[in-house]
C-alpha cells in the first residue's frame, strides 16, 4: 500500500485505484481482513466479523465495475460499522446481552447508502452497551483497547470504530454520537471524528439511545476521507422525519481553499481548570498556526455551557428510559425467567442490561415520573434552549469555534469505571454541541510527550460541515504528526 496522511492508505486513494481497475475490491478487502486477523484479537475492536461474507461483497463490487456500472468514490473501500447500526441478517447487539444473537430484518439507511456506493463492510465494532459510556468498558462482551497504548481506553461509546481506523484495520468506520461518542474516541485514538448537524444523517436503523440527540457520524484518518464518508450518508430520508434536505455533500476541492478571512472563536470561559496542560498547549499551537494561515482568532463566550452535563444527564436518560422499554423479553432478544409476566420482565431486564444502562434507565424514569417532570426534565429542556442560543450568538461572530475535545488524554483501563461522575465529566466539551444540535469535528492535533493522541474540536453553524473540514484540512497540511500511526499498526500487528 502507498503511504499517505496518517501513515495508511487513504480511502480516497483506495477507491480511485479500484475504480481504475488497478486492483480489485476483493484484493483490498483481503489486505484489511488479514491486518484485522492479526490486530483485532489484541485490541478487541470487533464484535462480529464474517470474512467470507466480506469477500463475497467485494466480489460483487468488482462485478458491478466490470459491467460498466458507475460507482461512487467509495467503491471497494472497507468500512467498519458500530454495532448499533442495523444490518440485515447480521448480528446487531449494541454491545448488550439483551440483544445477543439478534439479526435485524432490514438495513439502516446509512448501510443501504454505503452498499449502493460500493463500500465493503468489514464487520460490526465493539461499543459501550446501547452507546452509554465513554470508554467502551461498558460493553457486555469485553473492553476495547487503545492502539496507542493497550493499557488505555479508546474512548466511547464508539471505541471499537475509532480503534479500528487508528489501527489501520479499516480506512473508514461509522459510529454514533449522542453526547460525544464519535468525537471523544476519535480524540483518544488520534483520528478524525465528525458529529454531523442533527438531522443531516438519517437515524433510520440506528438503535435509539436518546432520539433528540443521536447522530451517526464518520471516522477517518484524513479530512478528505471524512468528507467522502459524510457525503455518502448525508441527506433527506423520508423514513426519518427529523432528517433534513439542507444536508448537502461537501465538495472536496473546497477543503483546499484554506482559512484566510475566517474568524475562529475560542470559548475560554468553558476551558477552565482541570484541562491537561499539553492539550491547552496544543490548542494554542493550532490557533497560532491557523492565524498564520490568515484566520482571525477571537474570544467568545458560552455562558450556559457549564450546565451542559447536568442538562444532558437528565434529557438523555429520560429518552433512554422510554426507548429501552421495548426490550422486555417478549418480542425479540434475551428472555430470562418463567412464571408471571411481571417476573419475566424484571428478570429479563435485570440480567440483560448492564449496570450503566440500568443506572441511566433509573435516572430517566425518575426524571419523567409524576411530580418530578417539571422540576427536572422540563427545566433541563429550557436550559438546552439557552445552550443552543449561546452557540447561535457565538457563531454569529465567528465562522467556527475551537476548543478541546476532551479535558485529558486517554485514561487507563479501569481507572474511572467505578466512578460514574468522573466518567461523565470526561464529556464536558463534547456535550454542549450535542445539546445545540450543531456540527462538531474532532481532529488530531498532536501528541503528548508520552506518545498519546491529542484531539481538538471545531463546532460550526448548522449544516456547515464543509467549513469545519476545511479548517481541519488546513491544520492537517501543517501538522508534523500527520504521518504517525500506532506502533502496533506500523508493524502490521
Protein backbone atom coordinates (compact mmCIF):
# COMPACT_ATOMS: atom_id res chain seq x y z
CA UNK A 1 0.00 0.00 0.00
CA UNK A 2 1.10 3.55 -0.65
CA UNK A 3 1.58 5.72 2.41
CA UNK A 4 -0.43 8.89 2.70
CA UNK A 5 -1.54 11.21 5.51
CA UNK A 6 -1.63 9.48 8.87
CA UNK A 7 0.55 6.62 7.71
CA UNK A 8 -2.03 4.45 5.99
CA UNK A 9 -3.51 4.42 2.54
CA UNK A 10 -6.39 6.85 2.27
CA UNK A 11 -9.92 5.76 1.41
CA UNK A 12 -9.80 8.25 -1.44
CA UNK A 13 -6.75 6.51 -2.91
CA UNK A 14 -8.25 3.04 -2.47
CA UNK A 15 -11.49 3.98 -4.20
CA UNK A 16 -9.62 5.64 -7.06
CA UNK A 17 -7.45 2.58 -7.66
CA UNK A 18 -10.43 0.20 -7.59
CA UNK A 19 -12.47 2.32 -9.99
CA UNK A 20 -9.48 2.48 -12.36
CA UNK A 21 -9.24 -1.33 -12.08
CA UNK A 22 -5.63 -1.10 -10.92
CA UNK A 23 -6.61 -3.56 -8.19
CA UNK A 24 -9.75 -5.40 -7.20
CA UNK A 25 -12.07 -4.71 -4.31
CA UNK A 26 -11.51 -8.32 -3.27
CA UNK A 27 -7.75 -7.77 -3.02
CA UNK A 28 -8.28 -4.62 -0.94
CA UNK A 29 -10.70 -6.43 1.36
CA UNK A 30 -8.26 -9.29 1.82
CA UNK A 31 -5.47 -6.89 2.83
CA UNK A 32 -7.55 -5.27 5.55
CA UNK A 33 -9.05 -8.55 6.72
CA UNK A 34 -5.56 -10.02 7.11
CA UNK A 35 -4.46 -6.99 9.14
CA UNK A 36 -7.52 -7.28 11.37
CA UNK A 37 -6.84 -11.00 11.83
CA UNK A 38 -3.55 -10.01 13.43
CA UNK A 39 -4.56 -6.99 15.49
CA UNK A 40 -8.28 -7.29 16.31
CA UNK A 41 -7.81 -10.10 18.88
CA UNK A 42 -5.32 -7.89 20.77
CA UNK A 43 -7.48 -4.78 20.59
CA UNK A 44 -10.97 -6.33 20.85
CA UNK A 45 -12.19 -3.99 18.13
CA UNK A 46 -14.90 -6.19 16.59
CA UNK A 47 -17.95 -7.97 17.97
CA UNK A 48 -18.74 -9.70 14.68
CA UNK A 49 -16.70 -10.40 11.55
CA UNK A 50 -17.56 -12.56 8.56
CA UNK A 51 -14.53 -12.97 6.31
CA UNK A 52 -16.34 -14.93 3.61
CA UNK A 53 -19.26 -12.51 3.60
CA UNK A 54 -16.91 -9.54 3.25
CA UNK A 55 -15.01 -11.14 0.36
CA UNK A 56 -18.27 -12.06 -1.36
CA UNK A 57 -19.47 -8.45 -1.07
CA UNK A 58 -16.16 -7.23 -2.51
CA UNK A 59 -16.51 -9.66 -5.44
CA UNK A 60 -19.96 -8.21 -6.16
CA UNK A 61 -18.43 -4.72 -6.30
CA UNK A 62 -15.83 -5.97 -8.77
CA UNK A 63 -18.61 -7.45 -10.89
CA UNK A 64 -20.51 -4.13 -10.87
CA UNK A 65 -17.40 -2.27 -12.04
CA UNK A 66 -16.69 -4.87 -14.72
CA UNK A 67 -20.24 -4.47 -16.03
CA UNK A 68 -19.62 -0.76 -16.56
CA UNK A 69 -21.76 0.48 -13.68
CA UNK A 70 -20.77 3.91 -12.36
CA UNK A 71 -19.99 3.73 -8.64
CA UNK A 72 -19.04 6.31 -6.03
CA UNK A 73 -15.51 7.22 -4.85
CA UNK A 74 -16.04 4.69 -2.03
CA UNK A 75 -16.20 1.72 -4.40
CA UNK A 76 -14.26 -1.16 -2.86
CA UNK A 77 -13.38 0.82 0.26
CA UNK A 78 -13.63 -1.19 3.52
CA UNK A 79 -15.89 0.37 6.17
CA UNK A 80 -16.43 -0.85 9.74
CA UNK A 81 -19.86 -0.38 11.36
CA UNK A 82 -20.67 0.30 15.00
CA UNK A 83 -22.80 -2.50 16.38
CA UNK A 84 -25.85 -0.29 16.96
CA UNK A 85 -26.43 0.11 13.21
CA UNK A 86 -28.90 -2.44 11.90
CA UNK A 87 -27.53 -4.82 9.27
CA UNK A 88 -29.93 -7.24 7.62
CA UNK A 89 -29.22 -10.81 8.68
CA UNK A 90 -26.02 -9.84 10.50
CA UNK A 91 -25.82 -9.75 14.34
CA UNK A 92 -26.55 -6.34 15.84
CA UNK A 93 -26.21 -6.44 19.62
CA UNK A 94 -25.47 -2.84 20.68
CA UNK A 95 -22.82 -4.39 22.93
CA UNK A 96 -25.62 -5.81 25.12
CA UNK A 97 -26.59 -9.28 26.30
CA UNK A 98 -30.24 -8.39 25.88
CA UNK A 99 -29.76 -8.36 22.08
CA UNK A 100 -27.31 -11.24 21.90
CA UNK A 101 -27.86 -13.12 18.65
CA UNK A 102 -30.35 -10.58 17.26
CA UNK A 103 -30.25 -10.32 13.46
CA UNK A 104 -32.29 -7.39 12.10
CA UNK A 105 -34.61 -7.97 9.12
CA UNK A 106 -33.53 -4.69 7.49
CA UNK A 107 -30.55 -2.38 6.94
CA UNK A 108 -30.08 1.05 8.46
CA UNK A 109 -30.37 3.91 5.95
CA UNK A 110 -26.63 4.57 6.09
CA UNK A 111 -25.92 0.90 5.44
CA UNK A 112 -28.19 0.97 2.39
CA UNK A 113 -26.43 4.09 1.10
CA UNK A 114 -22.97 2.58 1.55
CA UNK A 115 -23.95 -0.70 -0.11
CA UNK A 116 -25.25 1.31 -3.08
CA UNK A 117 -22.00 3.29 -3.16
CA UNK A 118 -19.96 0.09 -3.37
CA UNK A 119 -18.38 0.18 0.08
CA UNK A 120 -17.43 -3.17 1.61
CA UNK A 121 -18.24 -3.84 5.27
CA UNK A 122 -15.54 -5.41 7.43
CA UNK A 123 -17.68 -6.15 10.48
CA UNK A 124 -19.53 -4.77 13.50
CA UNK A 125 -17.39 -2.92 16.03
CA UNK A 126 -17.48 -3.07 19.80
CA UNK A 127 -19.19 -0.28 21.75
CA UNK A 128 -20.44 0.67 25.18
CA UNK A 129 -23.78 -1.04 25.75
CA UNK A 130 -26.52 0.85 23.89
CA UNK A 131 -23.93 3.61 23.30
CA UNK A 132 -23.93 4.53 27.00
CA UNK A 133 -20.36 5.19 28.06
CA UNK A 134 -17.11 7.00 27.37
CA UNK A 135 -14.58 4.16 27.38
CA UNK A 136 -16.07 1.04 25.69
CA UNK A 137 -15.63 -0.67 29.05
CA UNK A 138 -19.43 -0.92 29.35
CA UNK A 139 -19.64 -3.43 26.52
CA UNK A 140 -21.25 -6.61 27.81
CA UNK A 141 -18.61 -8.66 25.99
CA UNK A 142 -15.15 -7.16 26.53
CA UNK A 143 -13.41 -3.76 26.66
CA UNK A 144 -11.67 -2.45 23.57
CA UNK A 145 -8.05 -1.28 23.95
CA UNK A 146 -6.40 1.83 22.60
CA UNK A 147 -4.00 1.05 19.71
CA UNK A 148 -1.54 3.67 21.00
CA UNK A 149 -1.33 2.07 24.46
CA UNK A 150 -3.01 -1.27 25.19
CA UNK A 151 -3.41 -0.32 28.85
CA UNK A 152 -5.62 2.67 27.98
CA UNK A 153 -9.19 3.07 26.79
CA UNK A 154 -10.03 4.04 23.20
CA UNK A 155 -12.89 6.25 24.38
CA UNK A 156 -16.54 5.59 23.85
CA UNK A 157 -19.11 4.75 23.12
CA UNK A 158 -17.81 4.20 19.58
CA UNK A 159 -14.42 3.00 20.79
CA UNK A 160 -14.32 -0.05 18.55
CA UNK A 161 -14.85 2.04 15.41
CA UNK A 162 -12.21 4.61 16.38
CA UNK A 163 -9.66 1.95 17.30
CA UNK A 164 -10.32 0.06 14.07
CA UNK A 165 -9.44 3.13 11.98
CA UNK A 166 -6.45 4.07 14.16
CA UNK A 167 -5.05 0.53 13.93
CA UNK A 168 -5.44 0.54 10.12
CA UNK A 169 -7.89 -2.37 10.29
CA UNK A 170 -10.25 -0.32 8.11
CA UNK A 171 -9.74 3.05 6.44
CA UNK A 172 -13.24 4.22 7.43
CA UNK A 173 -15.82 3.49 10.10
CA UNK A 174 -19.20 4.69 11.28
CA UNK A 175 -20.15 5.42 14.86
CA UNK A 176 -22.93 7.26 16.63
CA UNK A 177 -22.65 10.41 18.71
CA UNK A 178 -25.21 11.32 21.38
CA UNK A 179 -23.04 13.32 23.77
CA UNK A 180 -19.61 12.87 22.20
CA UNK A 181 -19.45 9.20 21.28
CA UNK A 182 -17.77 9.84 17.92
CA UNK A 183 -15.63 12.83 18.85
CA UNK A 184 -14.24 11.61 22.19
CA UNK A 185 -12.94 8.23 20.89
CA UNK A 186 -11.63 9.99 17.78
CA UNK A 187 -9.57 12.24 20.05
CA UNK A 188 -8.35 9.32 22.17
CA UNK A 189 -7.34 7.30 19.09
CA UNK A 190 -5.82 10.10 17.03
CA UNK A 191 -8.27 10.09 14.11
CA UNK A 192 -10.96 12.36 12.66
CA UNK A 193 -14.49 12.02 14.01
CA UNK A 194 -17.47 14.06 12.81
CA UNK A 195 -20.79 14.56 14.57
CA UNK A 196 -22.97 15.99 11.80
CA UNK A 197 -25.69 18.55 12.36
CA UNK A 198 -28.74 16.95 13.96
CA UNK A 199 -30.86 15.88 11.01
CA UNK A 200 -28.04 15.79 8.46
CA UNK A 201 -27.92 11.97 8.50
CA UNK A 202 -30.94 9.69 8.78
CA UNK A 203 -31.28 7.78 12.04
CA UNK A 204 -33.40 5.08 10.41
CA UNK A 205 -31.93 1.78 11.57
CA UNK A 206 -29.81 3.31 14.31
CA UNK A 207 -30.84 1.61 17.55
CA UNK A 208 -32.12 4.52 19.62
CA UNK A 209 -30.49 5.78 22.82
CA UNK A 210 -31.69 9.42 23.06
CA UNK A 211 -33.63 10.26 19.93
CA UNK A 212 -33.32 14.06 20.10
CA UNK A 213 -29.53 13.78 20.35
CA UNK A 214 -28.41 10.66 18.44
CA UNK A 215 -26.46 11.20 15.22
CA UNK A 216 -24.46 8.84 13.00
CA UNK A 217 -21.00 10.08 12.11
CA UNK A 218 -17.82 9.03 10.26
CA UNK A 219 -14.32 8.14 11.44
CA UNK A 220 -11.36 8.54 9.11
CA UNK A 221 -7.64 9.31 9.10
CA UNK A 222 -7.86 12.41 6.89
CA UNK A 223 -10.20 15.36 6.48
CA UNK A 224 -10.87 14.42 2.84
CA UNK A 225 -11.76 10.83 3.77
CA UNK A 226 -14.09 12.13 6.48
CA UNK A 227 -15.84 14.23 3.83
CA UNK A 228 -16.12 11.26 1.46
CA UNK A 229 -17.89 9.12 4.04
CA UNK A 230 -20.12 12.00 5.18
CA UNK A 231 -21.08 12.67 1.55
CA UNK A 232 -22.17 9.06 1.13
CA UNK A 233 -24.58 9.10 4.09
CA UNK A 234 -25.94 12.65 4.40
CA UNK A 235 -29.28 13.93 3.14
CA UNK A 236 -33.02 13.56 3.47
CA UNK A 237 -34.64 10.21 4.19
CA UNK A 238 -38.47 10.09 4.31
CA UNK A 239 -38.30 7.31 6.90
CA UNK A 240 -36.72 9.71 9.42
CA UNK A 241 -38.86 12.81 9.84
CA UNK A 242 -36.02 14.66 11.58
CA UNK A 243 -33.69 14.29 8.57
CA UNK A 244 -33.20 17.44 6.51
CA UNK A 245 -32.72 18.23 2.84
CA UNK A 246 -30.33 21.08 3.76
CA UNK A 247 -27.61 18.48 4.33
CA UNK A 248 -25.53 18.57 1.15
CA UNK A 249 -22.34 16.75 0.14
CA UNK A 250 -19.04 18.54 0.78
CA UNK A 251 -17.07 19.40 -2.40
CA UNK A 252 -13.57 18.02 -1.81
CA UNK A 253 -11.97 20.88 -3.71
CA UNK A 254 -13.42 23.31 -1.15
CA UNK A 255 -11.31 21.71 1.57
CA UNK A 256 -8.15 23.02 -0.07
CA UNK A 257 -9.19 26.70 -0.01
CA UNK A 258 -7.56 27.50 3.32
CA UNK A 259 -8.82 29.70 6.15
CA UNK A 260 -7.85 33.18 5.04
CA UNK A 261 -10.51 35.62 6.20
CA UNK A 262 -12.21 33.17 8.55
CA UNK A 263 -12.93 34.01 12.18
CA UNK A 264 -12.33 31.30 14.80
CA UNK A 265 -13.76 31.75 18.28
CA UNK A 266 -12.26 30.20 21.41
CA UNK A 267 -14.71 29.86 24.35
CA UNK A 268 -12.14 30.39 27.08
CA UNK A 269 -14.86 30.69 29.74
CA UNK A 270 -15.64 26.99 29.19
CA UNK A 271 -11.98 25.92 29.17
CA UNK A 272 -11.30 26.24 32.88
CA UNK A 273 -9.42 24.26 35.49
CA UNK A 274 -8.76 20.56 35.10
CA UNK A 275 -7.71 20.61 31.45
CA UNK A 276 -4.43 18.85 30.75
CA UNK A 277 -1.66 21.44 30.10
CA UNK A 278 -0.48 19.62 26.97
CA UNK A 279 -3.98 19.86 25.50
CA UNK A 280 -4.06 23.57 26.28
CA UNK A 281 -0.65 23.99 24.62
CA UNK A 282 -1.91 22.13 21.57
CA UNK A 283 -4.94 24.43 21.41
CA UNK A 284 -2.70 27.49 21.37
CA UNK A 285 -0.42 25.92 18.75
CA UNK A 286 -3.32 25.13 16.42
CA UNK A 287 -4.78 28.62 16.91
CA UNK A 288 -1.41 30.22 16.11
CA UNK A 289 -0.95 28.04 13.02
CA UNK A 290 -4.41 28.91 11.70
CA UNK A 291 -3.79 32.58 12.44
CA UNK A 292 -0.60 32.39 10.38
CA UNK A 293 -2.73 30.92 7.58
CA UNK A 294 -4.93 34.03 7.62
CA UNK A 295 -7.64 33.25 10.19
CA UNK A 296 -8.65 35.75 12.85
CA UNK A 297 -8.73 34.33 16.38
CA UNK A 298 -11.18 35.87 18.84
CA UNK A 299 -12.63 35.10 22.24
CA UNK A 300 -16.30 34.12 22.56
CA UNK A 301 -18.47 33.12 25.49
CA UNK A 302 -20.81 30.18 26.08
CA UNK A 303 -22.25 31.20 29.46
CA UNK A 304 -24.67 28.32 29.88
CA UNK A 305 -22.40 25.54 28.57
CA UNK A 306 -21.19 24.88 32.12
CA UNK A 307 -24.62 23.40 32.84
CA UNK A 308 -24.47 21.02 29.89
CA UNK A 309 -23.51 17.85 31.74
CA UNK A 310 -26.31 18.22 34.29
CA UNK A 311 -28.74 19.03 31.47
CA UNK A 312 -27.62 16.13 29.30
CA UNK A 313 -27.84 13.60 32.12
CA UNK A 314 -31.49 14.46 32.60
CA UNK A 315 -32.54 14.58 28.94
CA UNK A 316 -30.58 11.60 27.58
CA UNK A 317 -31.51 9.12 30.36
CA UNK A 318 -35.16 10.23 30.16
CA UNK A 319 -35.24 9.45 26.44
CA UNK A 320 -33.32 6.22 27.04
CA UNK A 321 -35.87 5.16 29.64
CA UNK A 322 -38.57 5.49 27.01
CA UNK A 323 -36.62 3.96 24.12
CA UNK A 324 -35.33 0.94 26.03
CA UNK A 325 -38.75 -0.01 27.36
CA UNK A 326 -39.18 -2.16 24.23
CA UNK A 327 -36.58 -4.67 25.46
CA UNK A 328 -38.86 -6.78 27.62
CA UNK A 329 -38.12 -10.37 26.55
CA UNK A 330 -41.43 -10.71 24.68
CA UNK A 331 -40.78 -9.87 21.03
CA UNK A 332 -37.08 -10.48 20.44
CA UNK A 333 -33.75 -10.67 22.20
CA UNK A 334 -32.87 -12.17 25.56
CA UNK A 335 -35.54 -13.59 27.88
CA UNK A 336 -34.98 -14.70 31.46
CA UNK A 337 -37.21 -16.40 33.98
CA UNK A 338 -40.58 -18.08 33.84
CA UNK A 339 -43.82 -17.54 35.72
CA UNK A 340 -45.93 -14.41 35.53
CA UNK A 341 -45.29 -11.60 33.05
CA UNK A 342 -44.07 -9.10 35.64
CA UNK A 343 -41.46 -11.51 36.98
CA UNK A 344 -40.24 -12.26 33.47
CA UNK A 345 -39.90 -8.54 32.70
CA UNK A 346 -37.89 -7.94 35.85
CA UNK A 347 -35.61 -10.94 35.34
CA UNK A 348 -35.00 -10.16 31.67
CA UNK A 349 -34.13 -6.52 32.19
CA UNK A 350 -32.15 -7.17 35.36
CA UNK A 351 -29.94 -9.79 33.73
CA UNK A 352 -29.97 -8.48 30.18
CA UNK A 353 -28.93 -4.88 30.86
CA UNK A 354 -25.55 -3.94 32.30
CA UNK A 355 -25.01 -1.68 35.30
CA UNK A 356 -24.55 1.58 33.40
CA UNK A 357 -27.67 1.04 31.27
CA UNK A 358 -29.71 0.21 34.38
CA UNK A 359 -28.35 3.34 36.07
CA UNK A 360 -29.45 5.58 33.20
CA UNK A 361 -32.86 3.95 32.90
CA UNK A 362 -33.43 4.60 36.60
CA UNK A 363 -32.27 8.23 36.30
CA UNK A 364 -34.50 8.81 33.31
CA UNK A 365 -37.55 7.11 34.76
CA UNK A 366 -37.21 9.21 37.91
CA UNK A 367 -36.87 12.44 35.91
CA UNK A 368 -40.06 11.64 33.97
CA UNK A 369 -42.10 10.43 36.94
CA UNK A 370 -45.15 12.24 38.29
CA UNK A 371 -44.20 15.21 40.40
CA UNK A 372 -40.65 15.45 39.02
CA UNK A 373 -41.16 16.05 35.29
CA UNK A 374 -41.41 19.84 35.63
CA UNK A 375 -38.59 20.06 38.16
CA UNK A 376 -36.10 18.00 36.16
CA UNK A 377 -36.86 17.13 32.54
CA UNK A 378 -38.78 20.28 31.62
CA UNK A 379 -36.22 22.52 33.29
CA UNK A 380 -33.40 20.68 31.50
CA UNK A 381 -35.11 21.31 28.16
CA UNK A 382 -35.25 25.03 28.96
CA UNK A 383 -31.53 25.07 29.74
CA UNK A 384 -30.91 23.23 26.47
CA UNK A 385 -32.56 26.14 24.68
CA UNK A 386 -30.19 28.54 26.45
CA UNK A 387 -27.17 26.46 25.40
CA UNK A 388 -28.37 26.47 21.78
CA UNK A 389 -28.80 30.27 21.96
CA UNK A 390 -25.23 30.60 23.29
CA UNK A 391 -23.90 28.80 20.21
CA UNK A 392 -26.05 30.92 17.89
CA UNK A 393 -24.68 34.09 19.49
CA UNK A 394 -21.05 32.92 19.39
CA UNK A 395 -21.34 31.70 15.81
CA UNK A 396 -22.84 35.00 14.71
CA UNK A 397 -19.40 36.45 15.43
CA UNK A 398 -17.23 33.51 14.36
CA UNK A 399 -17.26 31.02 11.49
CA UNK A 400 -16.42 28.19 13.87
CA UNK A 401 -15.42 27.58 17.48
CA UNK A 402 -12.16 25.88 18.51
CA UNK A 403 -11.91 24.02 21.82
CA UNK A 404 -10.59 20.75 23.27
CA UNK A 405 -12.46 17.55 22.52
CA UNK A 406 -11.59 16.08 25.93
CA UNK A 407 -10.04 17.53 29.10
CA UNK A 408 -7.39 14.79 29.28
CA UNK A 409 -5.57 12.31 27.04
CA UNK A 410 -6.86 8.71 27.11
CA UNK A 411 -7.06 7.33 30.64
CA UNK A 412 -6.16 3.84 31.82
CA UNK A 413 -8.49 0.88 31.58
CA UNK A 414 -10.37 0.54 34.88
CA UNK A 415 -9.35 4.00 36.08
CA UNK A 416 -12.86 5.51 36.04
CA UNK A 417 -15.15 2.53 35.60
CA UNK A 418 -16.32 2.65 39.25
CA UNK A 419 -16.72 6.44 39.33
CA UNK A 420 -19.65 7.41 37.06
CA UNK A 421 -19.31 11.14 37.78
CA UNK A 422 -15.63 11.18 36.76
CA UNK A 423 -16.57 9.30 33.59
CA UNK A 424 -19.39 11.74 32.80
CA UNK A 425 -17.12 14.76 33.30
CA UNK A 426 -14.93 13.45 30.50
CA UNK A 427 -17.63 14.70 28.08
CA UNK A 428 -17.62 18.28 29.35
CA UNK A 429 -16.50 19.71 25.99
CA UNK A 430 -18.44 17.39 23.68
CA UNK A 431 -21.93 17.56 25.22
CA UNK A 432 -22.66 21.28 24.60
CA UNK A 433 -22.57 20.92 20.79
CA UNK A 434 -24.83 17.86 21.07
CA UNK A 435 -27.42 19.81 23.05
CA UNK A 436 -27.26 22.59 20.44
CA UNK A 437 -27.62 20.15 17.53
CA UNK A 438 -24.54 21.77 15.95
CA UNK A 439 -22.00 20.02 13.73
CA UNK A 440 -18.74 19.24 15.53
CA UNK A 441 -15.50 17.72 14.29
CA UNK A 442 -12.69 16.23 16.38
CA UNK A 443 -9.35 16.25 14.57
CA UNK A 444 -5.84 15.03 15.51
CA UNK A 445 -3.90 17.95 16.99
CA UNK A 446 -0.62 16.43 18.10
CA UNK A 447 0.76 14.05 20.69
CA UNK A 448 1.60 14.25 24.37
CA UNK A 449 5.21 13.83 25.48
CA UNK A 450 4.34 10.25 26.45
CA UNK A 451 3.07 9.49 22.94
CA UNK A 452 -0.71 9.70 23.41
CA UNK A 453 -3.02 11.42 20.89
CA UNK A 454 -4.49 14.86 21.47
CA UNK A 455 -7.74 15.83 19.78
CA UNK A 456 -9.23 19.28 19.34
CA UNK A 457 -12.75 20.12 18.29
CA UNK A 458 -14.36 22.50 15.82
CA UNK A 459 -18.04 23.45 16.21
CA UNK A 460 -19.93 25.22 13.45
CA UNK A 461 -23.25 26.55 12.28
CA UNK A 462 -25.97 24.07 11.27
CA UNK A 463 -25.17 22.24 8.02
CA UNK A 464 -21.76 23.89 7.78
CA UNK A 465 -19.76 20.66 7.95
CA UNK A 466 -17.75 21.77 4.92
CA UNK A 467 -16.26 24.71 6.78
CA UNK A 468 -15.19 22.55 9.74
CA UNK A 469 -13.49 20.08 7.41
CA UNK A 470 -11.81 22.90 5.52
CA UNK A 471 -10.33 24.34 8.73
CA UNK A 472 -9.17 20.90 9.87
CA UNK A 473 -7.67 20.22 6.45
CA UNK A 474 -5.67 23.45 6.66
CA UNK A 475 -4.21 22.35 10.00
CA UNK A 476 -3.67 18.82 8.72
CA UNK A 477 -1.40 20.09 5.96
CA UNK A 478 0.76 21.82 8.59
CA UNK A 479 0.72 19.06 11.22
CA UNK A 480 4.10 17.38 11.59
CA UNK A 481 2.47 14.42 13.39
CA UNK A 482 0.14 13.63 10.49
CA UNK A 483 2.19 10.61 9.34
CA UNK A 484 2.27 8.95 12.77
CA UNK A 485 0.42 5.72 13.40
CA UNK A 486 0.44 3.44 16.46
CA UNK A 487 3.42 1.12 16.67
CA UNK A 488 1.02 -1.82 16.58
CA UNK A 489 -0.33 -0.64 13.20
CA UNK A 490 3.07 0.36 11.77
CA UNK A 491 4.45 -3.10 12.45
CA UNK A 492 1.38 -4.71 10.88
CA UNK A 493 0.47 -6.16 14.31
